[in-house]
């Protein structure tokens, strides 16, 4: 259950990519912003994985990799606000294009 909540931002970004919009350029810009937000949200996981020595747990702060996960204190609220704004814009643009 926690994993689903944790990956809510990247999964919702993927879902929002498929909303229709009449203006192709605006849709490409919005989709690019959604992908960049999802990637920005996953940066601490990539950092923790890449900085963990072989044979150690990436969740352990003492080995060096898990310390990167503290970035979520800053990244989670920023990504959530950006995702909410993009969600509202995508829904407004999708309803106006019909």
Protein backbone atom coordinates (compact mmCIF):
# COMPACT_ATOMS: atom_id res chain seq x y z
CA UNK A 1 0.00 0.00 0.00
CA UNK A 2 2.81 2.42 0.83
CA UNK A 3 4.44 1.80 -2.54
CA UNK A 4 1.22 2.76 -4.32
CA UNK A 5 1.02 6.01 -2.38
CA UNK A 6 4.71 6.68 -3.02
CA UNK A 7 4.37 6.15 -6.77
CA UNK A 8 1.13 8.13 -7.05
CA UNK A 9 2.84 11.11 -8.68
CA UNK A 10 4.66 9.11 -11.41
CA UNK A 11 1.61 6.90 -12.08
CA UNK A 12 -0.76 9.86 -12.30
CA UNK A 13 1.69 11.56 -14.67
CA UNK A 14 1.51 8.56 -16.98
CA UNK A 15 -2.28 8.58 -16.81
CA UNK A 16 -2.51 12.29 -17.56
CA UNK A 17 -0.40 11.89 -20.69
CA UNK A 18 -3.40 10.34 -22.45
CA UNK A 19 -5.87 13.19 -21.96
CA UNK A 20 -6.89 14.79 -25.23
CA UNK A 21 -6.15 18.37 -26.21
CA UNK A 22 -6.94 20.14 -29.47
CA UNK A 23 -3.74 22.19 -29.50
CA UNK A 24 -0.83 19.88 -30.27
CA UNK A 25 1.92 22.24 -29.08
CA UNK A 26 0.21 22.84 -25.73
CA UNK A 27 -0.29 19.09 -25.26
CA UNK A 28 3.40 18.43 -25.94
CA UNK A 29 4.47 21.12 -23.45
CA UNK A 30 2.12 19.80 -20.76
CA UNK A 31 3.23 16.21 -21.35
CA UNK A 32 6.87 17.30 -21.14
CA UNK A 33 6.20 19.04 -17.83
CA UNK A 34 4.45 15.93 -16.49
CA UNK A 35 7.39 13.71 -17.45
CA UNK A 36 9.91 16.15 -15.96
CA UNK A 37 7.92 16.31 -12.71
CA UNK A 38 7.82 12.51 -12.47
CA UNK A 39 11.56 12.30 -13.15
CA UNK A 40 12.26 15.06 -10.60
CA UNK A 41 10.22 13.11 -8.04
CA UNK A 42 12.24 9.92 -8.64
CA UNK A 43 15.72 11.53 -8.45
CA UNK A 44 16.32 10.60 -4.76
CA UNK A 45 15.55 6.94 -5.50
CA UNK A 46 18.03 6.95 -8.38
CA UNK A 47 20.62 8.68 -6.19
CA UNK A 48 20.15 6.19 -3.35
CA UNK A 49 20.45 3.26 -5.74
CA UNK A 50 23.54 4.56 -7.52
CA UNK A 51 25.38 5.59 -4.32
CA UNK A 52 24.86 2.31 -2.46
CA UNK A 53 27.90 0.03 -2.24
CA UNK A 54 27.55 -3.53 -3.51
CA UNK A 55 25.93 -5.87 -1.02
CA UNK A 56 24.38 -3.09 1.10
CA UNK A 57 20.77 -1.94 1.41
CA UNK A 58 19.90 1.22 -0.47
CA UNK A 59 17.50 2.18 2.35
CA UNK A 60 20.26 2.30 4.97
CA UNK A 61 21.52 5.80 5.75
CA UNK A 62 24.81 4.58 7.20
CA UNK A 63 26.01 3.14 3.89
CA UNK A 64 25.56 6.45 2.10
CA UNK A 65 22.73 5.60 -0.28
CA UNK A 66 19.77 6.03 2.05
CA UNK A 67 20.78 9.56 3.02
CA UNK A 68 19.62 10.76 -0.41
CA UNK A 69 16.07 9.79 0.52
CA UNK A 70 15.95 12.73 2.93
CA UNK A 71 15.58 14.92 -0.16
CA UNK A 72 11.94 13.86 -0.24
CA UNK A 73 11.30 16.34 2.57
CA UNK A 74 11.80 19.06 -0.05
CA UNK A 75 10.89 17.25 -3.27
CA UNK A 76 7.57 15.70 -2.21
CA UNK A 77 5.68 18.97 -1.52
CA UNK A 78 7.11 20.66 -4.60
CA UNK A 79 6.22 17.75 -6.87
CA UNK A 80 2.76 17.39 -5.36
CA UNK A 81 1.94 21.07 -5.92
CA UNK A 82 3.26 20.98 -9.49
CA UNK A 83 1.33 17.75 -10.15
CA UNK A 84 -1.88 19.30 -8.81
CA UNK A 85 -1.50 22.37 -11.01
CA UNK A 86 -0.77 20.22 -14.08
CA UNK A 87 -3.72 17.96 -13.26
CA UNK A 88 -6.09 20.92 -13.11
CA UNK A 89 -4.72 22.41 -16.33
CA UNK A 90 -4.90 19.09 -18.20
CA UNK A 91 -8.51 18.55 -17.10
CA UNK A 92 -9.51 22.11 -18.06
CA UNK A 93 -7.84 21.79 -21.47
CA UNK A 94 -9.39 18.35 -22.06
CA UNK A 95 -12.90 19.56 -21.25
CA UNK A 96 -12.49 22.68 -23.41
CA UNK A 97 -11.30 20.66 -26.39
CA UNK A 98 -14.53 18.62 -26.69
